Structures are given as C-alpha cells and as structure tokens.
Amino acid sequence: MKNKKINIVTLGCSKNVVDSEKLLRQIKSGGYEVVHNADDFSAGTVIINTCGFINDAKEESVDTILKYVRARESGNINNLYVMGCLSERYMEDLKTEIPGVKRYFGVNNINDILDELGIRFREDMRNQREISGPGHYAYLKVSEGCDRSCAFCAIPAIRGKCVSRPLEELLNEARYLADSGVRELILIAQDLSYYGLDLYKAQKLAELLTELLKIESFEWIRLHYLYPANFPMELIPIMHENPRICRYIDIPVQHITDKMLGLMKRSHNRAETLSVLNKLRQGIPGSVFRTTLIAGHPGETEDDFNELLEFVREFRFDRLGVFAYSHEEDTFAYNNYKDEVPEEVKESRVSAIMELQQEISSELNEKLVGKVLKVLIDRREGEFFAGRTEYDSPEVDQEVLIPAEYDLKPGYFYQVLITQSNEFDLFGKPVPPDPLKGE
C-alpha cells in the first residue's frame, strides 16, 4: 500500500548516505516498505535528507524540496518531511518560506523522526543499515562533527564538535556490513585523522584499521578525508604492508601559500603540507593522491593563485577537485572577511586549475595503457560495464569502462587490461579466464 511505503531522498555527501541508511533500517523494522530514490513518487511519505554546505548544494536541496512540495499539493504523495544539514541550519527560514513541508528535522534527530512515524527505535539495530547503493561497497562513518576551525567551513556550526564512535561499535557495524556482502569498506568522517582524540585522548585510526583488517571479507578498505595537520604517521607502515588498504590518499590541502593557509585557519603551513605529502609519497610507493582546493577565498591575490597553480603543476595530484569560494554564514570568514574576489575571477581560477589537472590526468592515464589492473565492477551503463581500481572512489573519481559483450558481474573483481585512456576515464577488457579471489 502506498501509505506504508516511505522514500528517503539523500542529497550531499556520503556521511548523509550513512544517516539515511540507518534511518531506512529502523523504518523498515516498523513494517514499512522503504525505497531510496530521488525520482520515486509512488511512496505515501517522502523524507528528504538535505545538504547545506555551500551555495550549489543549498540550491539543489531547496529545488528538491519544492519538487516534492508540488507533488504533495497535487496529491502524488501524502506526507513530506525534511531533515539534514540545510534543515538544521535554516529551519525557521524554511518553515516560513516553504510551509508545504509537514515537519522539519535537523541532524541527529532519528528518534524524533521515528516518533513522528509512530515507529519505536530499535536499540538492537543501532549499528544496522539498509544499504542504498549497489551493495558491494559501503561507508563506515567513524565520527560525527569536527573540532577544526577552518575559516570557510560551516560544518562545526551545523554538526557540532567531533564525537568519535567507540571502536567496538564500529567493529560491530563493520561485521554487519561484511555479513551483508560488502567487499569494499570506505571509512569517512569530517576529519579521519582526528578519530579517537576526543574519546580516547589519542589518535586511534591505526588501531581501528588493524582491527578491520581482521575481517577478511573486506577486499578493499579505503580512507577518506585525512586532514594534513597532525597526520597520524603510524598509518604509513600499515598502508604500505597491507595491500587490502587501498593505495588511495585523500588529503584535502585547500591551498599552499602560508598567507592563504593562515587566512583559512588551516593549522598547517606550506612546509608542513609538503612534508606530509612527501613522506606519504615516499612511504607508500605507488599510491595515488586526491585533494581539494578552494579558489577565490578572501585575501587570495593573483600571486597567491599563481603559486597554487604552480604547486598543482609540480606535485601532480592524481585526483583533484576545486571549488570557488562560497561566503557561508556561521563561518569565521563570513564574520571577519569581505567576499572581495569577484565571481568571474573565482570561476576563471577554478577553470585554470581544472584545465591543468586535465592535462596531468591525461598524462597519468596514458601511462596505464597496457597495464593489467584489478577492477571492481559497480554497474552496467548502456554498452559498458563501469568499474573502479583501488585508486578510485565511487561517485567522485574516474572509472574503467569495459564493453558489455564480456558479460561481467557487478560486485565482482576482475583483472582488466587497460587498452585506451582519456582525461578522466580508462577503457579495458578482462584478462581471461575468471574473476579474482572472492567471486
């Protein structure tokens, strides 16, 4: 029945995905049919899990809310609820501007949502999830919130200070995911490097990894969002010695000049940034580096930008994303700096970095032609199967495209000969005869 079906629409980052999956599991335990689809209007109730991080994300969230408000007004759905970062940040404004939503919730309000739906929270299911993706990979959120004070970031104001989850709780959830068929476990947090400091008064990421490696069904373990300052160097030998930990280093540096890192309140300078990057590159040979940058932050001059561009040219990141600075309320930058760099200059700087990165990516990919790489198949898309190497994370990085004539299976690992490349994708064919261990 339609009124017993609930659709959760998740916007924003992988941390929101985890929140939605845990809510889905609790709702399902209450006897509801649950779906996770942005375009499903067959459910009686829709819950939108919003993102409120930067302007583009806020606009997407508002547009999605309005789409479902229209669906509710036309009778296609019965109830509409909104949760997540946008709702936490702008709840009173949203209630006034978009009254067609039945009720707004912030972040970490799962019990309130369940009460609204008439469902009792199941403590025994606290660490269980209804995986919304293809099922062979899943995210493990090790902490909530952030203790950093980056000038441009509103996350601490939205999500609060860092709250690390106990090791045993994380291991229980990881075992549940393994039993559910997950082959690739992706550790996420606002700041993975910080894990454990609030709870154990010491960084505990290395210990967590050591315990997770004992769960043998995880063929890949991937780390996301490692902050450069106070980087846990004990990770280097663990990653070097354990091939099941992906040689994938996601370390957002944001900028490189001492002046800009200071204005951004990043807790690390140029020399410290380069020291960490070089130690990682030397200590984990063959690893790839992903980073994010911000262009047009208040105070960024042409000289600052040119130094950033030269840094990108010299270090040659394998994966790189760059954002135009967004002047966000509830941030140090909003309260203390003028948003002085014109939008057209911001966009020009973003384009210049991405054009350079396109050249670098094309050159790096070309060197992979003729090599055989281990590939995890995610899905079939048209005339191709789309998969990833250990050097690529789902949704954000490049893919390996393999003609559908080979009849591969999503969720399985294959050895793939790379036959062709372009700036942001690889093309290949499986090496006969069979999938690798773990099929």
Protein backbone atom coordinates (compact mmCIF):
# COMPACT_ATOMS: atom_id res chain seq x y z
CA MET A 1 0.00 0.00 0.00
CA LYS A 2 1.17 3.49 -0.84
CA ASN A 3 0.75 4.83 2.70
CA LYS A 4 3.06 2.06 4.00
CA LYS A 5 5.85 2.99 1.60
CA ILE A 6 8.49 5.56 2.53
CA ASN A 7 11.05 7.06 0.16
CA ILE A 8 14.20 8.71 1.51
CA VAL A 9 15.90 11.10 -0.92
CA THR A 10 19.52 11.74 0.06
CA LEU A 11 21.44 14.80 -1.09
CA GLY A 12 25.03 15.80 -0.37
CA CYS A 13 27.91 13.73 0.93
CA SER A 14 28.49 10.10 1.82
CA LYS A 15 28.00 10.95 5.51
CA ASN A 16 24.39 11.80 4.70
CA VAL A 17 24.11 8.46 2.90
CA VAL A 18 25.04 6.66 6.12
CA ASP A 19 22.46 8.65 8.11
CA SER A 20 19.76 7.78 5.57
CA GLU A 21 20.69 4.10 5.54
CA LYS A 22 20.42 3.83 9.31
CA LEU A 23 17.06 5.58 9.27
CA LEU A 24 15.86 3.30 6.47
CA ARG A 25 16.72 0.23 8.54
CA GLN A 26 14.78 1.49 11.55
CA ILE A 27 11.78 2.43 9.40
CA LYS A 28 11.78 -0.97 7.73
CA SER A 29 11.68 -2.61 11.17
CA GLY A 30 8.40 -0.74 11.74
CA GLY A 31 6.69 -2.64 8.94
CA TYR A 32 7.13 -0.08 6.17
CA GLU A 33 8.36 -0.69 2.65
CA VAL A 34 11.37 1.56 2.09
CA VAL A 35 13.00 2.93 -1.07
CA HIS A 36 15.89 5.29 -1.73
CA ASN A 37 15.18 7.06 -4.99
CA ALA A 38 15.15 10.74 -5.92
CA ASP A 39 12.54 10.21 -8.62
CA ASP A 40 10.14 7.81 -6.91
CA PHE A 41 6.68 9.32 -6.44
CA SER A 42 4.95 6.04 -5.58
CA ALA A 43 5.56 6.37 -1.83
CA GLY A 44 3.00 7.81 0.54
CA THR A 45 5.72 9.53 2.57
CA VAL A 46 8.94 11.19 1.41
CA ILE A 47 11.85 12.21 3.65
CA ILE A 48 14.49 14.48 2.11
CA ASN A 49 17.93 14.38 3.73
CA THR A 50 19.42 17.73 2.73
CA CYS A 51 22.87 19.26 2.31
CA GLY A 52 23.56 22.83 3.40
CA PHE A 53 27.31 23.11 2.93
CA ILE A 54 27.80 25.57 0.03
CA ASN A 55 25.55 27.55 -2.31
CA ASP A 56 25.22 24.91 -5.04
CA ALA A 57 24.30 22.23 -2.50
CA LYS A 58 21.77 24.51 -0.81
CA GLU A 59 20.15 25.32 -4.15
CA GLU A 60 19.87 21.63 -5.03
CA SER A 61 18.27 20.92 -1.65
CA VAL A 62 15.74 23.74 -1.98
CA ASP A 63 14.87 22.73 -5.55
CA THR A 64 14.31 19.12 -4.43
CA ILE A 65 12.09 20.21 -1.52
CA LEU A 66 10.00 22.37 -3.86
CA LYS A 67 9.63 19.49 -6.31
CA TYR A 68 8.15 17.28 -3.61
CA VAL A 69 6.01 20.09 -2.20
CA ARG A 70 4.37 20.30 -5.62
CA ALA A 71 3.92 16.52 -5.58
CA ARG A 72 2.25 16.74 -2.18
CA GLU A 73 -0.02 19.58 -3.32
CA SER A 74 -1.07 17.58 -6.37
CA GLY A 75 -1.82 14.51 -4.24
CA ASN A 76 1.02 12.32 -5.53
CA ILE A 77 2.43 11.94 -2.01
CA ASN A 78 0.75 12.26 1.38
CA ASN A 79 3.48 13.40 3.75
CA LEU A 80 6.74 15.30 3.24
CA TYR A 81 9.49 15.65 5.82
CA VAL A 82 12.87 17.38 5.59
CA MET A 83 15.97 16.55 7.64
CA GLY A 84 19.72 17.11 7.48
CA CYS A 85 22.18 19.99 7.28
CA LEU A 86 20.05 22.54 5.41
CA SER A 87 17.19 21.97 7.82
CA GLU A 88 19.48 22.21 10.83
CA ARG A 89 20.99 25.45 9.55
CA TYR A 90 17.92 27.29 8.28
CA MET A 91 14.97 25.63 10.00
CA GLU A 92 12.98 28.75 10.90
CA ASP A 93 13.53 30.31 7.47
CA LEU A 94 12.44 27.10 5.76
CA LYS A 95 9.29 26.84 7.87
CA THR A 96 8.36 30.35 6.76
CA GLU A 97 9.42 30.15 3.12
CA ILE A 98 8.34 26.55 2.36
CA PRO A 99 5.34 25.75 4.59
CA GLY A 100 4.30 22.82 2.37
CA VAL A 101 6.60 20.52 4.32
CA LYS A 102 4.77 18.70 7.11
CA ARG A 103 7.72 18.91 9.54
CA TYR A 104 11.39 19.84 9.53
CA PHE A 105 14.11 17.97 11.46
CA GLY A 106 17.79 18.82 11.92
CA VAL A 107 20.73 16.45 12.08
CA ASN A 108 20.98 13.58 14.59
CA ASN A 109 17.20 13.54 15.09
CA ILE A 110 16.49 9.95 14.11
CA ASN A 111 14.41 9.26 17.24
CA ASP A 112 12.20 12.31 16.59
CA ILE A 113 11.60 11.21 13.02
CA LEU A 114 10.69 7.70 14.12
CA ASP A 115 8.31 9.10 16.75
CA GLU A 116 6.63 11.17 14.04
CA LEU A 117 6.12 8.00 12.01
CA GLY A 118 4.92 6.00 15.01
CA ILE A 119 7.94 3.68 14.99
CA ARG A 120 9.86 2.57 18.08
CA PHE A 121 13.64 2.94 17.89
CA ARG A 122 15.27 -0.50 17.92
CA GLU A 123 18.42 -0.34 20.04
CA ASP A 124 19.44 -3.78 18.77
CA MET A 125 19.53 -2.32 15.23
CA ARG A 126 21.60 0.75 16.13
CA ASN A 127 24.54 -0.43 14.00
CA GLN A 128 22.49 -1.89 11.17
CA ARG A 129 21.86 -0.28 7.80
CA GLU A 130 19.67 -0.65 4.72
CA ILE A 131 22.41 -0.22 2.11
CA SER A 132 21.15 2.13 -0.57
CA GLY A 133 23.87 1.63 -3.19
CA PRO A 134 24.78 -1.44 -5.22
CA GLY A 135 25.64 -3.37 -2.04
CA HIS A 136 29.26 -4.35 -2.64
CA TYR A 137 30.64 -1.15 -1.13
CA ALA A 138 29.53 0.82 1.89
CA TYR A 139 30.66 3.73 4.04
CA LEU A 140 31.62 3.47 7.71
CA LYS A 141 31.25 6.83 9.47
CA VAL A 142 33.73 6.76 12.35
CA SER A 143 32.82 10.10 13.94
CA GLU A 144 30.38 13.00 13.76
CA GLY A 145 31.21 16.70 13.71
CA CYS A 146 34.61 18.44 13.64
CA ASP A 147 36.92 20.22 16.08
CA ARG A 148 38.81 22.14 13.38
CA SER A 149 38.16 25.84 12.89
CA CYS A 150 38.69 26.34 9.15
CA ALA A 151 37.59 29.87 8.29
CA PHE A 152 35.43 28.88 5.31
CA CYS A 153 33.62 25.87 6.80
CA ALA A 154 30.20 25.82 8.47
CA ILE A 155 30.28 22.11 9.38
CA PRO A 156 31.18 22.63 13.08
CA ALA A 157 28.27 25.07 13.39
CA ILE A 158 25.93 22.53 11.78
CA ARG A 159 27.22 19.21 13.11
CA GLY A 160 28.98 20.29 16.29
CA LYS A 161 32.31 19.22 17.71
CA CYS A 162 33.90 15.88 16.89
CA VAL A 163 32.30 12.88 18.57
CA SER A 164 34.22 9.70 17.83
CA ARG A 165 32.36 6.41 17.91
CA PRO A 166 33.72 3.65 20.17
CA LEU A 167 35.97 1.12 18.46
CA GLU A 168 33.80 -1.85 19.37
CA GLU A 169 30.69 -0.15 18.00
CA LEU A 170 32.46 0.50 14.69
CA LEU A 171 33.69 -3.08 14.51
CA ASN A 172 30.17 -4.40 15.15
CA GLU A 173 28.83 -2.26 12.32
CA ALA A 174 31.69 -3.34 10.05
CA ARG A 175 30.93 -7.01 10.74
CA TYR A 176 27.27 -6.39 9.92
CA LEU A 177 28.30 -4.81 6.61
CA ALA A 178 30.63 -7.71 5.85
CA ASP A 179 27.83 -10.19 6.53
CA SER A 180 25.63 -8.14 4.19
CA GLY A 181 28.03 -8.73 1.29
CA VAL A 182 30.12 -5.56 1.38
CA ARG A 183 33.51 -6.06 -0.29
CA GLU A 184 34.84 -2.51 -0.16
CA LEU A 185 34.64 -0.60 3.14
CA ILE A 186 35.13 3.17 2.92
CA LEU A 187 35.99 4.97 6.16
CA ILE A 188 34.62 8.51 6.34
CA ALA A 189 34.46 11.42 8.78
CA GLN A 190 34.73 15.18 8.65
CA ASP A 191 38.34 14.59 9.71
CA LEU A 192 39.51 10.98 9.73
CA SER A 193 42.94 11.94 11.13
CA TYR A 194 41.30 13.18 14.35
CA TYR A 195 39.50 9.91 15.13
CA GLY A 196 39.79 8.94 18.80
CA LEU A 197 41.28 12.13 20.23
CA ASP A 198 38.07 13.21 21.94
CA LEU A 199 37.13 9.74 23.18
CA TYR A 200 40.48 8.09 23.93
CA LYS A 201 42.77 11.17 24.16
CA ALA A 202 44.86 9.63 21.36
CA GLN A 203 44.56 9.15 17.61
CA LYS A 204 43.10 5.68 17.08
CA LEU A 205 42.74 5.36 13.31
CA ALA A 206 45.70 2.99 13.03
CA GLU A 207 44.26 0.74 15.73
CA LEU A 208 40.86 0.77 14.04
CA LEU A 209 42.43 -0.21 10.72
CA THR A 210 44.38 -3.03 12.34
CA GLU A 211 41.15 -4.48 13.75
CA LEU A 212 39.21 -4.01 10.49
CA LEU A 213 41.88 -5.94 8.59
CA LYS A 214 40.89 -8.99 10.65
CA ILE A 215 37.54 -9.02 8.81
CA GLU A 216 38.79 -10.98 5.82
CA SER A 217 35.80 -10.48 3.54
CA PHE A 218 36.75 -6.82 3.04
CA GLU A 219 38.94 -6.96 -0.03
CA TRP A 220 39.42 -3.21 -0.11
CA ILE A 221 39.48 -0.73 2.78
CA ARG A 222 39.55 2.90 1.68
CA LEU A 223 40.25 6.05 3.72
CA HIS A 224 38.53 9.36 3.05
CA TYR A 225 39.28 12.89 4.34
CA LEU A 226 42.65 12.72 6.08
CA TYR A 227 43.47 16.19 7.40
CA PRO A 228 47.13 17.21 6.82
CA ALA A 229 47.84 18.75 10.26
CA ASN A 230 48.82 16.19 12.93
CA PHE A 231 48.63 13.45 10.33
CA PRO A 232 48.82 10.02 12.05
CA MET A 233 52.17 8.88 10.61
CA GLU A 234 51.69 5.39 12.06
CA LEU A 235 49.31 4.84 9.14
CA ILE A 236 52.20 4.79 6.66
CA PRO A 237 53.67 1.35 7.52
CA ILE A 238 50.18 -0.14 7.92
CA MET A 239 49.14 1.04 4.44
CA HIS A 240 52.48 0.01 2.96
CA GLU A 241 52.37 -3.51 4.40
CA ASN A 242 48.68 -4.31 3.81
CA PRO A 243 47.59 -4.45 0.15
CA ARG A 244 43.93 -4.65 1.20
CA ILE A 245 44.15 -1.00 2.24
CA CYS A 246 43.72 0.96 -0.97
CA ARG A 247 46.76 2.98 -2.07
CA TYR A 248 44.48 5.99 -2.13
CA ILE A 249 45.34 9.04 -0.07
CA ASP A 250 42.53 11.58 0.18
CA ILE A 251 44.11 14.62 1.80
CA PRO A 252 42.40 18.00 1.26
CA VAL A 253 45.06 20.73 1.35
CA GLN A 254 42.80 23.64 0.16
CA HIS A 255 45.73 25.98 -0.61
CA ILE A 256 49.52 26.19 -0.46
CA THR A 257 50.71 29.72 0.38
CA ASP A 258 51.43 30.46 4.00
CA LYS A 259 49.31 33.59 3.82
CA MET A 260 46.22 31.81 2.49
CA LEU A 261 46.56 28.82 4.82
CA GLY A 262 46.72 31.32 7.67
CA LEU A 263 43.64 33.21 6.48
CA MET A 264 41.85 29.87 6.08
CA LYS A 265 42.85 28.93 9.67
CA ARG A 266 44.13 25.58 8.43
CA SER A 267 46.58 24.68 11.27
CA HIS A 268 49.35 23.82 8.77
CA ASN A 269 51.68 25.89 6.58
CA ARG A 270 53.27 25.26 3.22
CA ALA A 271 56.37 23.49 4.59
CA GLU A 272 54.30 21.22 6.83
CA THR A 273 51.94 20.39 3.97
CA LEU A 274 54.77 19.44 1.62
CA SER A 275 56.47 17.42 4.37
CA VAL A 276 53.37 15.30 4.94
CA LEU A 277 52.74 14.81 1.22
CA ASN A 278 56.35 13.80 0.53
CA LYS A 279 56.51 11.40 3.48
CA LEU A 280 53.34 9.71 2.25
CA ARG A 281 54.60 9.50 -1.33
CA GLN A 282 57.92 8.02 -0.21
CA GLY A 283 56.47 5.72 2.44
CA ILE A 284 53.65 4.26 0.32
CA PRO A 285 55.09 3.77 -3.18
CA GLY A 286 52.55 3.53 -5.96
CA SER A 287 49.84 5.39 -4.07
CA VAL A 288 47.60 7.98 -5.69
CA PHE A 289 46.71 11.32 -4.12
CA ARG A 290 43.35 13.06 -4.14
CA THR A 291 42.92 16.60 -2.87
CA THR A 292 40.51 19.52 -2.88
CA LEU A 293 41.34 23.19 -3.31
CA ILE A 294 39.49 26.47 -2.86
CA ALA A 295 39.91 29.30 -5.35
CA GLY A 296 38.92 32.89 -4.62
CA HIS A 297 38.98 32.76 -0.82
CA PRO A 298 39.07 36.26 0.71
CA GLY A 299 42.62 37.60 0.56
CA GLU A 300 43.72 35.48 -2.40
CA THR A 301 45.76 37.64 -4.77
CA GLU A 302 46.91 36.80 -8.27
CA ASP A 303 50.32 35.90 -6.82
CA ASP A 304 48.73 33.52 -4.29
CA PHE A 305 46.75 31.87 -7.04
CA ASN A 306 49.77 31.52 -9.34
CA GLU A 307 51.71 29.86 -6.52
CA LEU A 308 48.80 27.45 -6.01
CA LEU A 309 48.72 26.70 -9.73
CA GLU A 310 52.45 26.03 -9.76
CA PHE A 311 52.07 23.71 -6.75
CA VAL A 312 49.45 21.68 -8.64
CA ARG A 313 51.76 21.53 -11.67
CA GLU A 314 54.73 20.33 -9.61
CA PHE A 315 53.10 17.83 -7.25
CA ARG A 316 50.85 16.28 -9.92
CA PHE A 317 47.90 15.06 -7.89
CA ASP A 318 46.20 12.03 -9.44
CA ARG A 319 42.71 13.26 -8.46
CA LEU A 320 41.80 16.85 -7.76
CA GLY A 321 38.63 18.86 -7.16
CA VAL A 322 38.49 22.64 -6.86
CA PHE A 323 35.67 24.82 -5.56
CA ALA A 324 35.00 28.50 -5.97
CA TYR A 325 34.89 30.06 -2.51
CA SER A 326 31.37 30.33 -1.10
CA HIS A 327 30.74 33.02 1.55
CA GLU A 328 28.83 30.99 4.13
CA GLU A 329 27.00 32.24 7.21
CA ASP A 330 28.13 30.87 10.57
CA THR A 331 31.78 30.81 9.48
CA PHE A 332 34.80 32.78 10.64
CA ALA A 333 35.33 34.06 7.10
CA TYR A 334 31.76 35.35 6.82
CA ASN A 335 32.05 37.24 10.10
CA ASN A 336 35.56 38.60 9.61
CA TYR A 337 36.34 38.87 5.87
CA LYS A 338 34.82 40.63 2.91
CA ASP A 339 33.94 38.39 -0.03
CA GLU A 340 36.21 40.51 -2.18
CA VAL A 341 37.22 38.28 -5.10
CA PRO A 342 34.73 38.80 -7.97
CA GLU A 343 32.73 35.73 -9.01
CA GLU A 344 34.11 35.84 -12.54
CA VAL A 345 37.66 35.79 -11.15
CA LYS A 346 36.81 32.84 -8.90
CA GLU A 347 35.39 30.91 -11.84
CA SER A 348 38.38 31.80 -14.02
CA ARG A 349 40.74 30.46 -11.38
CA VAL A 350 38.71 27.27 -10.99
CA SER A 351 38.83 26.75 -14.75
CA ALA A 352 42.59 27.33 -14.90
CA ILE A 353 43.26 24.71 -12.22
CA MET A 354 40.92 22.17 -13.83
CA GLU A 355 42.47 22.70 -17.27
CA LEU A 356 45.89 22.00 -15.78
CA GLN A 357 44.55 18.97 -13.89
CA GLN A 358 43.00 17.66 -17.09
CA GLU A 359 46.43 17.68 -18.72
CA ILE A 360 48.01 15.94 -15.72
CA SER A 361 45.26 13.33 -15.53
CA SER A 362 45.52 12.63 -19.26
CA GLU A 363 49.28 12.07 -18.99
CA LEU A 364 48.97 9.84 -15.93
CA ASN A 365 46.19 7.77 -17.52
CA GLU A 366 48.15 7.31 -20.73
CA LYS A 367 50.91 5.61 -18.72
CA LEU A 368 48.38 2.99 -17.58
CA VAL A 369 47.63 1.77 -21.12
CA GLY A 370 48.99 -1.76 -21.49
CA LYS A 371 48.92 -2.48 -17.75
CA VAL A 372 46.67 -5.05 -16.05
CA LEU A 373 44.75 -3.65 -13.07
CA LYS A 374 42.40 -5.14 -10.51
CA VAL A 375 38.92 -3.70 -11.11
CA LEU A 376 35.72 -3.88 -9.07
CA ILE A 377 32.64 -3.72 -11.31
CA ASP A 378 30.00 -1.32 -9.98
CA ARG A 379 27.24 -1.46 -12.60
CA ARG A 380 26.27 -1.79 -16.24
CA GLU A 381 25.65 1.51 -18.01
CA GLY A 382 24.50 1.31 -21.63
CA GLU A 383 27.05 -0.57 -23.71
CA PHE A 384 29.65 -0.68 -20.95
CA PHE A 385 30.30 -2.09 -17.53
CA ALA A 386 31.66 0.61 -15.23
CA GLY A 387 34.23 -0.38 -12.64
CA ARG A 388 36.97 1.11 -10.49
CA THR A 389 40.52 0.38 -9.49
CA GLU A 390 41.76 0.73 -5.90
CA TYR A 391 42.85 4.22 -6.97
CA ASP A 392 39.29 5.46 -7.46
CA SER A 393 36.43 6.02 -5.04
CA PRO A 394 32.76 5.70 -6.08
CA GLU A 395 30.89 8.79 -7.31
CA VAL A 396 33.89 11.14 -7.21
CA ASP A 397 36.67 9.56 -9.29
CA GLN A 398 37.26 8.13 -12.73
CA GLU A 399 36.06 4.73 -13.91
CA VAL A 400 37.22 1.82 -16.02
CA LEU A 401 34.78 1.16 -18.87
CA ILE A 402 34.58 -2.37 -20.28
CA PRO A 403 32.36 -3.37 -23.25
CA ALA A 404 29.18 -5.15 -22.16
CA GLU A 405 29.94 -8.03 -24.52
CA TYR A 406 32.14 -9.52 -21.78
CA ASP A 407 29.11 -10.18 -19.55
CA LEU A 408 30.69 -9.24 -16.23
CA LYS A 409 29.01 -9.22 -12.82
CA PRO A 410 28.65 -6.11 -10.65
CA GLY A 411 30.24 -6.63 -7.25
CA TYR A 412 32.95 -8.90 -8.61
CA PHE A 413 36.67 -8.26 -9.06
CA TYR A 414 38.39 -8.80 -12.41
CA GLN A 415 41.85 -8.39 -13.82
CA VAL A 416 41.49 -5.86 -16.64
CA LEU A 417 43.95 -4.95 -19.38
CA ILE A 418 43.84 -1.19 -19.98
CA THR A 419 43.59 -0.66 -23.73
CA GLN A 420 42.80 3.05 -24.01
CA SER A 421 42.55 6.21 -21.89
CA ASN A 422 41.33 9.78 -21.91
CA GLU A 423 41.49 12.63 -19.40
CA PHE A 424 39.18 11.13 -16.79
CA ASP A 425 38.41 7.52 -17.77
CA LEU A 426 40.12 4.27 -18.69
CA PHE A 427 38.95 1.61 -21.14
CA GLY A 428 39.81 -2.06 -20.97
CA LYS A 429 38.96 -5.71 -21.35
CA PRO A 430 39.08 -8.52 -18.79
CA VAL A 431 42.02 -10.88 -18.79
CA PRO A 432 40.71 -14.46 -19.12
CA PRO A 433 39.50 -16.57 -17.67
CA ASP A 434 37.81 -15.76 -14.35
CA PRO A 435 37.20 -13.21 -11.56
CA LEU A 436 39.78 -12.94 -8.84
CA LYS A 437 39.56 -14.41 -5.39
CA GLY A 438 36.31 -13.57 -3.68
CA GLU A 439 33.94 -14.16 -6.60
